[in-house]
Amino acid sequence: MYAVFQTGGKQFRAEPGTRLRIPSLDVEPGGSVTFDHVLVAGDGADKIQVGTPVVAGASVKAEVLRHGRGDKVIVFKRKRRKGYRLKQGHRQNFTEIRIDEVALG
């Protein structure tokens, strides 16, 4: 059983027991969260439900494991012959979750 859900402007494929890093959520570690914006839900290869735009009644339940920050990304800008150089770093916040249940509608 699997589902494709959307959170933070990105889409993720969820199966029970998998761990995902999603954009940061405002939930304490150990808490649970439910995602209702399910785009595709399936029960293996036989039964697949495609939402228009969402699957009615489908949801994904997960437990928040931890919050963290991703690897550093270096942003370097330069203009030739002008002496212009700009170096900037960025680390994106994330929330790590464990999928507990995928409920079909």
Protein backbone atom coordinates (compact mmCIF):
# COMPACT_ATOMS: atom_id res chain seq x y z
CA MET A 1 0.00 0.00 0.00
CA TYR A 2 1.39 3.39 -0.96
CA ALA A 3 0.36 6.99 -1.49
CA VAL A 4 1.78 10.12 -3.06
CA PHE A 5 1.07 13.16 -0.91
CA GLN A 6 1.97 16.83 -1.11
CA THR A 7 3.41 19.03 1.63
CA GLY A 8 5.54 22.14 1.48
CA GLY A 9 5.07 22.42 -2.29
CA LYS A 10 6.74 19.04 -2.89
CA GLN A 11 5.42 15.53 -3.50
CA PHE A 12 6.52 12.41 -1.61
CA ARG A 13 5.83 8.69 -2.03
CA ALA A 14 4.85 7.10 1.27
CA GLU A 15 4.74 3.46 2.32
CA PRO A 16 4.22 2.25 5.90
CA GLY A 17 7.53 2.05 7.76
CA THR A 18 9.52 4.37 5.50
CA ARG A 19 11.37 7.45 6.74
CA LEU A 20 11.14 10.73 4.82
CA ARG A 21 12.75 14.15 5.09
CA ILE A 22 10.12 16.75 4.32
CA PRO A 23 10.15 20.56 4.55
CA SER A 24 10.04 21.78 8.12
CA LEU A 25 6.80 21.37 10.09
CA ASP A 26 5.80 23.05 13.33
CA VAL A 27 5.25 19.80 15.30
CA GLU A 28 7.30 18.60 18.26
CA PRO A 29 9.34 15.37 17.92
CA GLY A 30 7.27 12.40 19.07
CA GLY A 31 4.05 13.99 17.85
CA SER A 32 1.93 12.72 15.00
CA VAL A 33 0.82 14.47 11.83
CA THR A 34 -1.81 13.62 9.19
CA PHE A 35 -1.49 14.56 5.53
CA ASP A 36 -4.86 14.82 3.74
CA HIS A 37 -3.61 16.16 0.41
CA VAL A 38 -3.13 12.70 -1.20
CA LEU A 39 -2.70 12.81 -4.98
CA VAL A 40 -2.37 9.07 -5.78
CA ALA A 41 -3.17 6.04 -3.62
CA GLY A 42 -2.59 2.41 -4.49
CA ASP A 43 -2.89 -1.07 -3.08
CA GLY A 44 0.00 -2.66 -4.98
CA ALA A 45 -0.47 -3.22 -8.72
CA ASP A 46 -4.21 -3.93 -8.83
CA LYS A 47 -6.02 -0.97 -7.34
CA ILE A 48 -4.80 2.55 -8.07
CA GLN A 49 -6.78 5.69 -7.27
CA VAL A 50 -5.80 8.93 -8.97
CA GLY A 51 -7.22 12.08 -7.46
CA THR A 52 -8.76 15.01 -9.30
CA PRO A 53 -6.88 16.79 -7.72
CA VAL A 54 -6.96 14.77 -4.45
CA VAL A 55 -8.21 11.30 -3.52
CA ALA A 56 -11.36 11.68 -1.43
CA GLY A 57 -11.01 10.27 2.08
CA ALA A 58 -7.38 9.16 1.70
CA SER A 59 -4.80 10.19 4.29
CA VAL A 60 -1.26 9.48 5.42
CA LYS A 61 -0.46 9.32 9.15
CA ALA A 62 3.12 9.77 10.32
CA GLU A 63 5.18 10.29 13.46
CA VAL A 64 7.69 13.16 13.71
CA LEU A 65 11.13 11.79 14.59
CA ARG A 66 13.37 14.87 14.57
CA HIS A 67 14.10 18.26 13.11
CA GLY A 68 17.39 19.16 11.47
CA ARG A 69 19.23 21.06 8.80
CA GLY A 70 20.45 19.71 5.48
CA ASP A 71 23.89 19.90 3.93
CA LYS A 72 25.31 23.29 3.07
CA VAL A 73 24.77 24.55 -0.46
CA ILE A 74 27.23 27.15 -1.75
CA VAL A 75 25.81 29.96 -3.91
CA PHE A 76 28.60 31.71 -5.85
CA LYS A 77 27.91 34.68 -8.13
CA ARG A 78 30.46 36.29 -10.40
CA LYS A 79 30.59 38.80 -13.22
CA ARG A 80 33.55 38.62 -15.53
CA ARG A 81 35.98 41.55 -15.81
CA LYS A 82 34.14 43.53 -13.11
CA GLY A 83 35.72 42.19 -9.94
CA TYR A 84 32.28 41.18 -8.63
CA ARG A 85 32.23 38.02 -6.55
CA LEU A 86 29.67 36.98 -3.97
CA LYS A 87 29.76 33.79 -1.93
CA GLN A 88 26.78 32.76 0.17
CA GLY A 89 25.86 29.54 1.95
CA HIS A 90 22.46 28.05 2.70
CA ARG A 91 21.18 25.14 4.80
CA GLN A 92 17.56 24.07 4.39
CA ASN A 93 15.54 23.03 7.46
CA PHE A 94 13.80 19.66 7.39
CA THR A 95 11.58 17.42 9.49
CA GLU A 96 12.20 13.67 9.48
CA ILE A 97 9.05 11.56 9.72
CA ARG A 98 8.19 7.85 9.81
CA ILE A 99 5.08 6.76 7.91
CA ASP A 100 2.78 4.78 10.20
CA GLU A 101 -0.35 4.27 8.12
CA VAL A 102 -1.69 4.88 4.64
CA ALA A 103 -5.50 4.97 4.65
CA LEU A 104 -7.35 4.72 1.32
CA GLY A 105 -10.61 6.56 0.77
